[in-house]
Amino acid sequence: SNHIPLAIRFPGGMKKSGRVIDDFVDFTDI
């Protein structure tokens, strides 16, 4: 119910792309 897709792209603000993140994040962070 609550598990959602999330991908973010911003080359200018990322040191390394193509990473898979395990951190738990939610919509209060947006």
mmCIF file of all heavy atoms, coordinates in Angstrom:
data_MODEL
# 
_entry.id   MODEL 
# 
loop_
_atom_site.group_PDB 
_atom_site.id 
_atom_site.type_symbol 
_atom_site.label_atom_id 
_atom_site.label_alt_id 
_atom_site.label_comp_id 
_atom_site.label_asym_id 
_atom_site.label_entity_id 
_atom_site.label_seq_id 
_atom_site.pdbx_PDB_ins_code 
_atom_site.Cartn_x 
_atom_site.Cartn_y 
_atom_site.Cartn_z 
_atom_site.occupancy 
_atom_site.B_iso_or_equiv 
_atom_site.pdbx_formal_charge 
_atom_site.auth_seq_id 
_atom_site.auth_comp_id 
_atom_site.auth_asym_id 
_atom_site.auth_atom_id 
_atom_site.pdbx_PDB_model_num 
ATOM 1   N N   . SER A 1 1  ? 0.826  -1.203 0.000   1.00 0.00 ? 1  SER A N   1 
ATOM 2   C CA  . SER A 1 1  ? 0.000  0.000  0.000   1.00 0.00 ? 1  SER A CA  1 
ATOM 3   C C   . SER A 1 1  ? 0.862  1.256  0.000   1.00 0.00 ? 1  SER A C   1 
ATOM 4   O O   . SER A 1 1  ? 0.623  2.196  -0.768  1.00 0.00 ? 1  SER A O   1 
ATOM 5   C CB  . SER A 1 1  ? -0.910 0.019  1.230   1.00 0.00 ? 1  SER A CB  1 
ATOM 6   O OG  . SER A 1 1  ? -1.664 -1.159 1.341   1.00 0.00 ? 1  SER A OG  1 
ATOM 7   N N   . ASN A 1 2  ? 1.862  1.267  0.866   1.00 0.00 ? 2  ASN A N   1 
ATOM 8   C CA  . ASN A 1 2  ? 2.648  2.471  1.120   1.00 0.00 ? 2  ASN A CA  1 
ATOM 9   C C   . ASN A 1 2  ? 3.995  2.497  0.391   1.00 0.00 ? 2  ASN A C   1 
ATOM 10  O O   . ASN A 1 2  ? 4.597  3.559  0.255   1.00 0.00 ? 2  ASN A O   1 
ATOM 11  C CB  . ASN A 1 2  ? 2.888  2.629  2.618   1.00 0.00 ? 2  ASN A CB  1 
ATOM 12  C CG  . ASN A 1 2  ? 1.604  2.773  3.400   1.00 0.00 ? 2  ASN A CG  1 
ATOM 13  O OD1 . ASN A 1 2  ? 0.895  1.793  3.635   1.00 0.00 ? 2  ASN A OD1 1 
ATOM 14  N ND2 . ASN A 1 2  ? 1.273  3.981  3.799   1.00 0.00 ? 2  ASN A ND2 1 
ATOM 15  N N   . HIS A 1 3  ? 4.448  1.357  -0.071  1.00 0.00 ? 3  HIS A N   1 
ATOM 16  C CA  . HIS A 1 3  ? 5.735  1.263  -0.756  1.00 0.00 ? 3  HIS A CA  1 
ATOM 17  C C   . HIS A 1 3  ? 5.593  1.853  -2.156  1.00 0.00 ? 3  HIS A C   1 
ATOM 18  O O   . HIS A 1 3  ? 4.705  1.477  -2.917  1.00 0.00 ? 3  HIS A O   1 
ATOM 19  C CB  . HIS A 1 3  ? 6.149  -0.211 -0.846  1.00 0.00 ? 3  HIS A CB  1 
ATOM 20  C CG  . HIS A 1 3  ? 7.564  -0.418 -1.263  1.00 0.00 ? 3  HIS A CG  1 
ATOM 21  N ND1 . HIS A 1 3  ? 8.016  -1.575 -1.859  1.00 0.00 ? 3  HIS A ND1 1 
ATOM 22  C CD2 . HIS A 1 3  ? 8.661  0.384  -1.171  1.00 0.00 ? 3  HIS A CD2 1 
ATOM 23  C CE1 . HIS A 1 3  ? 9.301  -1.479 -2.114  1.00 0.00 ? 3  HIS A CE1 1 
ATOM 24  N NE2 . HIS A 1 3  ? 9.724  -0.297 -1.700  1.00 0.00 ? 3  HIS A NE2 1 
ATOM 25  N N   . ILE A 1 4  ? 6.466  2.778  -2.508  1.00 0.00 ? 4  ILE A N   1 
ATOM 26  C CA  . ILE A 1 4  ? 6.320  3.528  -3.765  1.00 0.00 ? 4  ILE A CA  1 
ATOM 27  C C   . ILE A 1 4  ? 7.633  3.565  -4.545  1.00 0.00 ? 4  ILE A C   1 
ATOM 28  O O   . ILE A 1 4  ? 8.709  3.367  -3.975  1.00 0.00 ? 4  ILE A O   1 
ATOM 29  C CB  . ILE A 1 4  ? 5.867  4.980  -3.492  1.00 0.00 ? 4  ILE A CB  1 
ATOM 30  C CG1 . ILE A 1 4  ? 6.786  5.632  -2.458  1.00 0.00 ? 4  ILE A CG1 1 
ATOM 31  C CG2 . ILE A 1 4  ? 4.408  5.024  -3.061  1.00 0.00 ? 4  ILE A CG2 1 
ATOM 32  C CD1 . ILE A 1 4  ? 6.604  7.097  -2.292  1.00 0.00 ? 4  ILE A CD1 1 
ATOM 33  N N   . PRO A 1 5  ? 7.556  3.839  -5.864  1.00 0.00 ? 5  PRO A N   1 
ATOM 34  C CA  . PRO A 1 5  ? 8.778  4.044  -6.645  1.00 0.00 ? 5  PRO A CA  1 
ATOM 35  C C   . PRO A 1 5  ? 9.368  5.426  -6.360  1.00 0.00 ? 5  PRO A C   1 
ATOM 36  O O   . PRO A 1 5  ? 8.632  6.374  -6.089  1.00 0.00 ? 5  PRO A O   1 
ATOM 37  C CB  . PRO A 1 5  ? 8.277  3.957  -8.089  1.00 0.00 ? 5  PRO A CB  1 
ATOM 38  C CG  . PRO A 1 5  ? 6.852  4.401  -8.020  1.00 0.00 ? 5  PRO A CG  1 
ATOM 39  C CD  . PRO A 1 5  ? 6.337  3.952  -6.682  1.00 0.00 ? 5  PRO A CD  1 
ATOM 40  N N   . LEU A 1 6  ? 10.674 5.530  -6.434  1.00 0.00 ? 6  LEU A N   1 
ATOM 41  C CA  . LEU A 1 6  ? 11.334 6.835  -6.286  1.00 0.00 ? 6  LEU A CA  1 
ATOM 42  C C   . LEU A 1 6  ? 12.707 6.782  -6.946  1.00 0.00 ? 6  LEU A C   1 
ATOM 43  O O   . LEU A 1 6  ? 13.557 5.962  -6.578  1.00 0.00 ? 6  LEU A O   1 
ATOM 44  C CB  . LEU A 1 6  ? 11.497 7.215  -4.811  1.00 0.00 ? 6  LEU A CB  1 
ATOM 45  C CG  . LEU A 1 6  ? 12.241 8.535  -4.550  1.00 0.00 ? 6  LEU A CG  1 
ATOM 46  C CD1 . LEU A 1 6  ? 11.491 9.724  -5.127  1.00 0.00 ? 6  LEU A CD1 1 
ATOM 47  C CD2 . LEU A 1 6  ? 12.481 8.735  -3.043  1.00 0.00 ? 6  LEU A CD2 1 
ATOM 48  N N   . ALA A 1 7  ? 12.899 7.639  -7.931  1.00 0.00 ? 7  ALA A N   1 
ATOM 49  C CA  . ALA A 1 7  ? 14.209 7.813  -8.569  1.00 0.00 ? 7  ALA A CA  1 
ATOM 50  C C   . ALA A 1 7  ? 14.454 9.303  -8.746  1.00 0.00 ? 7  ALA A C   1 
ATOM 51  O O   . ALA A 1 7  ? 13.517 10.065 -9.000  1.00 0.00 ? 7  ALA A O   1 
ATOM 52  C CB  . ALA A 1 7  ? 14.272 7.092  -9.913  1.00 0.00 ? 7  ALA A CB  1 
ATOM 53  N N   . ILE A 1 8  ? 15.712 9.710  -8.604  1.00 0.00 ? 8  ILE A N   1 
ATOM 54  C CA  . ILE A 1 8  ? 16.078 11.132 -8.677  1.00 0.00 ? 8  ILE A CA  1 
ATOM 55  C C   . ILE A 1 8  ? 17.328 11.293 -9.536  1.00 0.00 ? 8  ILE A C   1 
ATOM 56  O O   . ILE A 1 8  ? 18.307 10.554 -9.374  1.00 0.00 ? 8  ILE A O   1 
ATOM 57  C CB  . ILE A 1 8  ? 16.334 11.715 -7.273  1.00 0.00 ? 8  ILE A CB  1 
ATOM 58  C CG1 . ILE A 1 8  ? 15.085 11.552 -6.386  1.00 0.00 ? 8  ILE A CG1 1 
ATOM 59  C CG2 . ILE A 1 8  ? 16.734 13.184 -7.358  1.00 0.00 ? 8  ILE A CG2 1 
ATOM 60  C CD1 . ILE A 1 8  ? 15.281 12.000 -4.958  1.00 0.00 ? 8  ILE A CD1 1 
ATOM 61  N N   . ARG A 1 9  ? 17.282 12.271 -10.432 1.00 0.00 ? 9  ARG A N   1 
ATOM 62  C CA  . ARG A 1 9  ? 18.434 12.585 -11.288 1.00 0.00 ? 9  ARG A CA  1 
ATOM 63  C C   . ARG A 1 9  ? 18.800 14.058 -11.134 1.00 0.00 ? 9  ARG A C   1 
ATOM 64  O O   . ARG A 1 9  ? 17.950 14.916 -11.261 1.00 0.00 ? 9  ARG A O   1 
ATOM 65  C CB  . ARG A 1 9  ? 18.096 12.307 -12.760 1.00 0.00 ? 9  ARG A CB  1 
ATOM 66  C CG  . ARG A 1 9  ? 19.262 12.527 -13.726 1.00 0.00 ? 9  ARG A CG  1 
ATOM 67  C CD  . ARG A 1 9  ? 18.792 12.434 -15.173 1.00 0.00 ? 9  ARG A CD  1 
ATOM 68  N NE  . ARG A 1 9  ? 19.901 12.404 -16.126 1.00 0.00 ? 9  ARG A NE  1 
ATOM 69  C CZ  . ARG A 1 9  ? 20.538 13.478 -16.592 1.00 0.00 ? 9  ARG A CZ  1 
ATOM 70  N NH1 . ARG A 1 9  ? 20.185 14.701 -16.173 1.00 0.00 ? 9  ARG A NH1 1 
ATOM 71  N NH2 . ARG A 1 9  ? 21.526 13.348 -17.461 1.00 0.00 ? 9  ARG A NH2 1 
ATOM 72  N N   . PHE A 1 10 ? 20.062 14.333 -10.849 1.00 0.00 ? 10 PHE A N   1 
ATOM 73  C CA  . PHE A 1 10 ? 20.557 15.710 -10.802 1.00 0.00 ? 10 PHE A CA  1 
ATOM 74  C C   . PHE A 1 10 ? 22.082 15.677 -10.875 1.00 0.00 ? 10 PHE A C   1 
ATOM 75  O O   . PHE A 1 10 ? 22.767 15.725 -9.853  1.00 0.00 ? 10 PHE A O   1 
ATOM 76  C CB  . PHE A 1 10 ? 20.083 16.420 -9.536  1.00 0.00 ? 10 PHE A CB  1 
ATOM 77  C CG  . PHE A 1 10 ? 20.535 17.855 -9.434  1.00 0.00 ? 10 PHE A CG  1 
ATOM 78  C CD1 . PHE A 1 10 ? 20.597 18.673 -10.565 1.00 0.00 ? 10 PHE A CD1 1 
ATOM 79  C CD2 . PHE A 1 10 ? 20.899 18.398 -8.217  1.00 0.00 ? 10 PHE A CD2 1 
ATOM 80  C CE1 . PHE A 1 10 ? 21.032 19.984 -10.474 1.00 0.00 ? 10 PHE A CE1 1 
ATOM 81  C CE2 . PHE A 1 10 ? 21.328 19.718 -8.118  1.00 0.00 ? 10 PHE A CE2 1 
ATOM 82  C CZ  . PHE A 1 10 ? 21.387 20.510 -9.251  1.00 0.00 ? 10 PHE A CZ  1 
ATOM 83  N N   . PRO A 1 11 ? 22.635 15.547 -12.080 1.00 0.00 ? 11 PRO A N   1 
ATOM 84  C CA  . PRO A 1 11 ? 24.094 15.416 -12.234 1.00 0.00 ? 11 PRO A CA  1 
ATOM 85  C C   . PRO A 1 11 ? 24.878 16.517 -11.531 1.00 0.00 ? 11 PRO A C   1 
ATOM 86  O O   . PRO A 1 11 ? 25.938 16.261 -10.955 1.00 0.00 ? 11 PRO A O   1 
ATOM 87  C CB  . PRO A 1 11 ? 24.300 15.477 -13.753 1.00 0.00 ? 11 PRO A CB  1 
ATOM 88  C CG  . PRO A 1 11 ? 23.002 15.031 -14.326 1.00 0.00 ? 11 PRO A CG  1 
ATOM 89  C CD  . PRO A 1 11 ? 21.946 15.528 -13.374 1.00 0.00 ? 11 PRO A CD  1 
ATOM 90  N N   . GLY A 1 12 ? 24.347 17.742 -11.559 1.00 0.00 ? 12 GLY A N   1 
ATOM 91  C CA  . GLY A 1 12 ? 25.056 18.847 -10.941 1.00 0.00 ? 12 GLY A CA  1 
ATOM 92  C C   . GLY A 1 12 ? 25.125 18.768 -9.432  1.00 0.00 ? 12 GLY A C   1 
ATOM 93  O O   . GLY A 1 12 ? 25.932 19.452 -8.807  1.00 0.00 ? 12 GLY A O   1 
ATOM 94  N N   . GLY A 1 13 ? 24.285 17.923 -8.839  1.00 0.00 ? 13 GLY A N   1 
ATOM 95  C CA  . GLY A 1 13 ? 24.256 17.825 -7.386  1.00 0.00 ? 13 GLY A CA  1 
ATOM 96  C C   . GLY A 1 13 ? 24.544 16.435 -6.866  1.00 0.00 ? 13 GLY A C   1 
ATOM 97  O O   . GLY A 1 13 ? 24.253 16.127 -5.711  1.00 0.00 ? 13 GLY A O   1 
ATOM 98  N N   . MET A 1 14 ? 25.117 15.587 -7.719  1.00 0.00 ? 14 MET A N   1 
ATOM 99  C CA  . MET A 1 14 ? 25.448 14.220 -7.310  1.00 0.00 ? 14 MET A CA  1 
ATOM 100 C C   . MET A 1 14 ? 26.907 13.923 -7.638  1.00 0.00 ? 14 MET A C   1 
ATOM 101 O O   . MET A 1 14 ? 27.376 14.186 -8.733  1.00 0.00 ? 14 MET A O   1 
ATOM 102 C CB  . MET A 1 14 ? 24.559 13.201 -8.040  1.00 0.00 ? 14 MET A CB  1 
ATOM 103 C CG  . MET A 1 14 ? 23.105 13.226 -7.634  1.00 0.00 ? 14 MET A CG  1 
ATOM 104 S SD  . MET A 1 14 ? 22.178 11.928 -8.510  1.00 0.00 ? 14 MET A SD  1 
ATOM 105 C CE  . MET A 1 14 ? 20.534 12.192 -7.829  1.00 0.00 ? 14 MET A CE  1 
ATOM 106 N N   . LYS A 1 15 ? 27.603 13.342 -6.684  1.00 0.00 ? 15 LYS A N   1 
ATOM 107 C CA  . LYS A 1 15 ? 28.991 12.954 -6.928  1.00 0.00 ? 15 LYS A CA  1 
ATOM 108 C C   . LYS A 1 15 ? 29.075 11.625 -7.663  1.00 0.00 ? 15 LYS A C   1 
ATOM 109 O O   . LYS A 1 15 ? 30.044 11.370 -8.374  1.00 0.00 ? 15 LYS A O   1 
ATOM 110 C CB  . LYS A 1 15 ? 29.746 12.866 -5.588  1.00 0.00 ? 15 LYS A CB  1 
ATOM 111 C CG  . LYS A 1 15 ? 29.888 14.189 -4.864  1.00 0.00 ? 15 LYS A CG  1 
ATOM 112 C CD  . LYS A 1 15 ? 30.621 14.012 -3.549  1.00 0.00 ? 15 LYS A CD  1 
ATOM 113 C CE  . LYS A 1 15 ? 30.747 15.338 -2.804  1.00 0.00 ? 15 LYS A CE  1 
ATOM 114 N NZ  . LYS A 1 15 ? 31.425 15.164 -1.487  1.00 0.00 ? 15 LYS A NZ  1 
ATOM 115 N N   . LYS A 1 16 ? 28.075 10.790 -7.464  1.00 0.00 ? 16 LYS A N   1 
ATOM 116 C CA  . LYS A 1 16 ? 28.103 9.459  -8.073  1.00 0.00 ? 16 LYS A CA  1 
ATOM 117 C C   . LYS A 1 16 ? 26.694 9.034  -8.432  1.00 0.00 ? 16 LYS A C   1 
ATOM 118 O O   . LYS A 1 16 ? 25.801 9.052  -7.591  1.00 0.00 ? 16 LYS A O   1 
ATOM 119 C CB  . LYS A 1 16 ? 28.743 8.450  -7.123  1.00 0.00 ? 16 LYS A CB  1 
ATOM 120 C CG  . LYS A 1 16 ? 28.993 7.088  -7.749  1.00 0.00 ? 16 LYS A CG  1 
ATOM 121 C CD  . LYS A 1 16 ? 29.714 6.174  -6.772  1.00 0.00 ? 16 LYS A CD  1 
ATOM 122 C CE  . LYS A 1 16 ? 29.986 4.812  -7.411  1.00 0.00 ? 16 LYS A CE  1 
ATOM 123 N NZ  . LYS A 1 16 ? 30.662 3.889  -6.464  1.00 0.00 ? 16 LYS A NZ  1 
ATOM 124 N N   . SER A 1 17 ? 26.493 8.653  -9.684  1.00 0.00 ? 17 SER A N   1 
ATOM 125 C CA  . SER A 1 17 ? 25.173 8.218  -10.137 1.00 0.00 ? 17 SER A CA  1 
ATOM 126 C C   . SER A 1 17 ? 25.090 6.693  -10.164 1.00 0.00 ? 17 SER A C   1 
ATOM 127 O O   . SER A 1 17 ? 26.079 5.998  -9.891  1.00 0.00 ? 17 SER A O   1 
ATOM 128 C CB  . SER A 1 17 ? 24.892 8.791  -11.527 1.00 0.00 ? 17 SER A CB  1 
ATOM 129 O OG  . SER A 1 17 ? 25.859 8.315  -12.454 1.00 0.00 ? 17 SER A OG  1 
ATOM 130 N N   . GLY A 1 18 ? 23.912 6.183  -10.526 1.00 0.00 ? 18 GLY A N   1 
ATOM 131 C CA  . GLY A 1 18 ? 23.720 4.751  -10.639 1.00 0.00 ? 18 GLY A CA  1 
ATOM 132 C C   . GLY A 1 18 ? 23.681 4.025  -9.306  1.00 0.00 ? 18 GLY A C   1 
ATOM 133 O O   . GLY A 1 18 ? 23.856 2.800  -9.250  1.00 0.00 ? 18 GLY A O   1 
ATOM 134 N N   . ARG A 1 19 ? 23.441 4.758  -8.233  1.00 0.00 ? 19 ARG A N   1 
ATOM 135 C CA  . ARG A 1 19 ? 23.438 4.135  -6.901  1.00 0.00 ? 19 ARG A CA  1 
ATOM 136 C C   . ARG A 1 19 ? 22.043 3.631  -6.524  1.00 0.00 ? 19 ARG A C   1 
ATOM 137 O O   . ARG A 1 19 ? 21.033 4.226  -6.882  1.00 0.00 ? 19 ARG A O   1 
ATOM 138 C CB  . ARG A 1 19 ? 23.911 5.134  -5.846  1.00 0.00 ? 19 ARG A CB  1 
ATOM 139 C CG  . ARG A 1 19 ? 25.380 5.495  -5.957  1.00 0.00 ? 19 ARG A CG  1 
ATOM 140 C CD  . ARG A 1 19 ? 25.783 6.520  -4.907  1.00 0.00 ? 19 ARG A CD  1 
ATOM 141 N NE  . ARG A 1 19 ? 25.176 7.828  -5.166  1.00 0.00 ? 19 ARG A NE  1 
ATOM 142 C CZ  . ARG A 1 19 ? 24.635 8.613  -4.229  1.00 0.00 ? 19 ARG A CZ  1 
ATOM 143 N NH1 . ARG A 1 19 ? 24.586 8.216  -2.974  1.00 0.00 ? 19 ARG A NH1 1 
ATOM 144 N NH2 . ARG A 1 19 ? 24.135 9.787  -4.562  1.00 0.00 ? 19 ARG A NH2 1 
ATOM 145 N N   . VAL A 1 20 ? 22.011 2.540  -5.776  1.00 0.00 ? 20 VAL A N   1 
ATOM 146 C CA  . VAL A 1 20 ? 20.775 2.008  -5.192  1.00 0.00 ? 20 VAL A CA  1 
ATOM 147 C C   . VAL A 1 20 ? 20.815 2.324  -3.702  1.00 0.00 ? 20 VAL A C   1 
ATOM 148 O O   . VAL A 1 20 ? 21.748 1.923  -2.996  1.00 0.00 ? 20 VAL A O   1 
ATOM 149 C CB  . VAL A 1 20 ? 20.649 0.494  -5.416  1.00 0.00 ? 20 VAL A CB  1 
ATOM 150 C CG1 . VAL A 1 20 ? 19.373 -0.035 -4.758  1.00 0.00 ? 20 VAL A CG1 1 
ATOM 151 C CG2 . VAL A 1 20 ? 20.653 0.170  -6.909  1.00 0.00 ? 20 VAL A CG2 1 
ATOM 152 N N   . ILE A 1 21 ? 19.812 3.060  -3.224  1.00 0.00 ? 21 ILE A N   1 
ATOM 153 C CA  . ILE A 1 21 ? 19.797 3.558  -1.844  1.00 0.00 ? 21 ILE A CA  1 
ATOM 154 C C   . ILE A 1 21 ? 18.858 2.716  -0.990  1.00 0.00 ? 21 ILE A C   1 
ATOM 155 O O   . ILE A 1 21 ? 17.701 2.469  -1.352  1.00 0.00 ? 21 ILE A O   1 
ATOM 156 C CB  . ILE A 1 21 ? 19.354 5.034  -1.811  1.00 0.00 ? 21 ILE A CB  1 
ATOM 157 C CG1 . ILE A 1 21 ? 20.228 5.879  -2.731  1.00 0.00 ? 21 ILE A CG1 1 
ATOM 158 C CG2 . ILE A 1 21 ? 19.365 5.559  -0.376  1.00 0.00 ? 21 ILE A CG2 1 
ATOM 159 C CD1 . ILE A 1 21 ? 21.696 5.884  -2.378  1.00 0.00 ? 21 ILE A CD1 1 
ATOM 160 N N   . ASP A 1 22 ? 19.347 2.285  0.173   1.00 0.00 ? 22 ASP A N   1 
ATOM 161 C CA  . ASP A 1 22 ? 18.545 1.493  1.105   1.00 0.00 ? 22 ASP A CA  1 
ATOM 162 C C   . ASP A 1 22 ? 17.882 2.333  2.195   1.00 0.00 ? 22 ASP A C   1 
ATOM 163 O O   . ASP A 1 22 ? 17.029 1.824  2.926   1.00 0.00 ? 22 ASP A O   1 
ATOM 164 C CB  . ASP A 1 22 ? 19.411 0.420  1.782   1.00 0.00 ? 22 ASP A CB  1 
ATOM 165 C CG  . ASP A 1 22 ? 19.876 -0.655 0.813   1.00 0.00 ? 22 ASP A CG  1 
ATOM 166 O OD1 . ASP A 1 22 ? 19.239 -0.817 -0.245  1.00 0.00 ? 22 ASP A OD1 1 
ATOM 167 O OD2 . ASP A 1 22 ? 20.893 -1.331 1.112   1.00 0.00 ? 22 ASP A OD2 1 
ATOM 168 N N   . ASP A 1 23 ? 18.274 3.586  2.336   1.00 0.00 ? 23 ASP A N   1 
ATOM 169 C CA  . ASP A 1 23 ? 17.705 4.442  3.382   1.00 0.00 ? 23 ASP A CA  1 
ATOM 170 C C   . ASP A 1 23 ? 16.185 4.488  3.269   1.00 0.00 ? 23 ASP A C   1 
ATOM 171 O O   . ASP A 1 23 ? 15.623 4.557  2.174   1.00 0.00 ? 23 ASP A O   1 
ATOM 172 C CB  . ASP A 1 23 ? 18.233 5.871  3.254   1.00 0.00 ? 23 ASP A CB  1 
ATOM 173 C CG  . ASP A 1 23 ? 19.717 5.973  3.535   1.00 0.00 ? 23 ASP A CG  1 
ATOM 174 O OD1 . ASP A 1 23 ? 20.475 5.140  3.011   1.00 0.00 ? 23 ASP A OD1 1 
ATOM 175 O OD2 . ASP A 1 23 ? 20.122 6.900  4.250   1.00 0.00 ? 23 ASP A OD2 1 
ATOM 176 N N   . PHE A 1 24 ? 15.511 4.499  4.412   1.00 0.00 ? 24 PHE A N   1 
ATOM 177 C CA  . PHE A 1 24 ? 14.060 4.660  4.439   1.00 0.00 ? 24 PHE A CA  1 
ATOM 178 C C   . PHE A 1 24 ? 13.737 6.157  4.344   1.00 0.00 ? 24 PHE A C   1 
ATOM 179 O O   . PHE A 1 24 ? 14.201 6.962  5.158   1.00 0.00 ? 24 PHE A O   1 
ATOM 180 C CB  . PHE A 1 24 ? 13.483 4.082  5.728   1.00 0.00 ? 24 PHE A CB  1 
ATOM 181 C CG  . PHE A 1 24 ? 13.305 2.590  5.673   1.00 0.00 ? 24 PHE A CG  1 
ATOM 182 C CD1 . PHE A 1 24 ? 14.404 1.740  5.667   1.00 0.00 ? 24 PHE A CD1 1 
ATOM 183 C CD2 . PHE A 1 24 ? 12.034 2.031  5.607   1.00 0.00 ? 24 PHE A CD2 1 
ATOM 184 C CE1 . PHE A 1 24 ? 14.247 0.367  5.602   1.00 0.00 ? 24 PHE A CE1 1 
ATOM 185 C CE2 . PHE A 1 24 ? 11.866 0.651  5.541   1.00 0.00 ? 24 PHE A CE2 1 
ATOM 186 C CZ  . PHE A 1 24 ? 12.974 -0.182 5.534   1.00 0.00 ? 24 PHE A CZ  1 
ATOM 187 N N   . VAL A 1 25 ? 12.969 6.505  3.334   1.00 0.00 ? 25 VAL A N   1 
ATOM 188 C CA  . VAL A 1 25 ? 12.555 7.890  3.125   1.00 0.00 ? 25 VAL A CA  1 
ATOM 189 C C   . VAL A 1 25 ? 11.049 7.914  2.924   1.00 0.00 ? 25 VAL A C   1 
ATOM 190 O O   . VAL A 1 25 ? 10.436 6.910  2.544   1.00 0.00 ? 25 VAL A O   1 
ATOM 191 C CB  . VAL A 1 25 ? 13.264 8.528  1.908   1.00 0.00 ? 25 VAL A CB  1 
ATOM 192 C CG1 . VAL A 1 25 ? 14.774 8.555  2.125   1.00 0.00 ? 25 VAL A CG1 1 
ATOM 193 C CG2 . VAL A 1 25 ? 12.933 7.777  0.627   1.00 0.00 ? 25 VAL A CG2 1 
ATOM 194 N N   . ASP A 1 26 ? 10.441 9.074  3.185   1.00 0.00 ? 26 ASP A N   1 
ATOM 195 C CA  . ASP A 1 26 ? 8.998  9.174  2.973   1.00 0.00 ? 26 ASP A CA  1 
ATOM 196 C C   . ASP A 1 26 ? 8.628  10.580 2.522   1.00 0.00 ? 26 ASP A C   1 
ATOM 197 O O   . ASP A 1 26 ? 9.479  11.463 2.414   1.00 0.00 ? 26 ASP A O   1 
ATOM 198 C CB  . ASP A 1 26 ? 8.220  8.747  4.224   1.00 0.00 ? 26 ASP A CB  1 
ATOM 199 C CG  . ASP A 1 26 ? 8.383  9.695  5.399   1.00 0.00 ? 26 ASP A CG  1 
ATOM 200 O OD1 . ASP A 1 26 ? 8.096  10.908 5.240   1.00 0.00 ? 26 ASP A OD1 1 
ATOM 201 O OD2 . ASP A 1 26 ? 8.780  9.257  6.500   1.00 0.00 ? 26 ASP A OD2 1 
ATOM 202 N N   . PHE A 1 27 ? 7.346  10.779 2.257   1.00 0.00 ? 27 PHE A N   1 
ATOM 203 C CA  . PHE A 1 27 ? 6.870  12.021 1.654   1.00 0.00 ? 27 PHE A CA  1 
ATOM 204 C C   . PHE A 1 27 ? 6.998  13.246 2.554   1.00 0.00 ? 27 PHE A C   1 
ATOM 205 O O   . PHE A 1 27 ? 6.909  14.370 2.064   1.00 0.00 ? 27 PHE A O   1 
ATOM 206 C CB  . PHE A 1 27 ? 5.422  11.862 1.214   1.00 0.00 ? 27 PHE A CB  1 
ATOM 207 C CG  . PHE A 1 27 ? 5.256  11.176 -0.121  1.00 0.00 ? 27 PHE A CG  1 
ATOM 208 C CD1 . PHE A 1 27 ? 3.990  10.814 -0.574  1.00 0.00 ? 27 PHE A CD1 1 
ATOM 209 C CD2 . PHE A 1 27 ? 6.344  10.901 -0.931  1.00 0.00 ? 27 PHE A CD2 1 
ATOM 210 C CE1 . PHE A 1 27 ? 3.821  10.195 -1.803  1.00 0.00 ? 27 PHE A CE1 1 
ATOM 211 C CE2 . PHE A 1 27 ? 6.196  10.282 -2.160  1.00 0.00 ? 27 PHE A CE2 1 
ATOM 212 C CZ  . PHE A 1 27 ? 4.919  9.931  -2.596  1.00 0.00 ? 27 PHE A CZ  1 
ATOM 213 N N   . THR A 1 28 ? 7.195  13.065 3.855   1.00 0.00 ? 28 THR A N   1 
ATOM 214 C CA  . THR A 1 28 ? 7.412  14.250 4.691   1.00 0.00 ? 28 THR A CA  1 
ATOM 215 C C   . THR A 1 28 ? 8.722  14.939 4.317   1.00 0.00 ? 28 THR A C   1 
ATOM 216 O O   . THR A 1 28 ? 8.925  16.117 4.619   1.00 0.00 ? 28 THR A O   1 
ATOM 217 C CB  . THR A 1 28 ? 7.447  13.895 6.195   1.00 0.00 ? 28 THR A CB  1 
ATOM 218 O OG1 . THR A 1 28 ? 8.546  13.006 6.458   1.00 0.00 ? 28 THR A OG1 1 
ATOM 219 C CG2 . THR A 1 28 ? 6.139  13.252 6.648   1.00 0.00 ? 28 THR A CG2 1 
ATOM 220 N N   . ASP A 1 29 ? 9.616  14.222 3.623   1.00 0.00 ? 29 ASP A N   1 
ATOM 221 C CA  . ASP A 1 29 ? 10.927 14.770 3.266   1.00 0.00 ? 29 ASP A CA  1 
ATOM 222 C C   . ASP A 1 29 ? 10.890 15.686 2.043   1.00 0.00 ? 29 ASP A C   1 
ATOM 223 O O   . ASP A 1 29 ? 11.839 16.434 1.804   1.00 0.00 ? 29 ASP A O   1 
ATOM 224 C CB  . ASP A 1 29 ? 11.912 13.630 2.965   1.00 0.00 ? 29 ASP A CB  1 
ATOM 225 C CG  . ASP A 1 29 ? 12.145 12.701 4.143   1.00 0.00 ? 29 ASP A CG  1 
ATOM 226 O OD1 . ASP A 1 29 ? 12.165 13.189 5.285   1.00 0.00 ? 29 ASP A OD1 1 
ATOM 227 O OD2 . ASP A 1 29 ? 12.310 11.483 3.908   1.00 0.00 ? 29 ASP A OD2 1 
ATOM 228 N N   . ILE A 1 30 ? 9.834  15.596 1.238   1.00 0.00 ? 30 ILE A N   1 
ATOM 229 C CA  . ILE A 1 30 ? 9.851  16.296 -0.052  1.00 0.00 ? 30 ILE A CA  1 
ATOM 230 C C   . ILE A 1 30 ? 9.857  17.813 0.116   1.00 0.00 ? 30 ILE A C   1 
ATOM 231 O O   . ILE A 1 30 ? 10.606 18.528 -0.560  1.00 0.00 ? 30 ILE A O   1 
ATOM 232 C CB  . ILE A 1 30 ? 8.681  15.831 -0.932  1.00 0.00 ? 30 ILE A CB  1 
ATOM 233 C CG1 . ILE A 1 30 ? 8.942  14.393 -1.398  1.00 0.00 ? 30 ILE A CG1 1 
ATOM 234 C CG2 . ILE A 1 30 ? 8.491  16.757 -2.132  1.00 0.00 ? 30 ILE A CG2 1 
ATOM 235 C CD1 . ILE A 1 30 ? 7.846  13.792 -2.247  1.00 0.00 ? 30 ILE A CD1 1 
# 
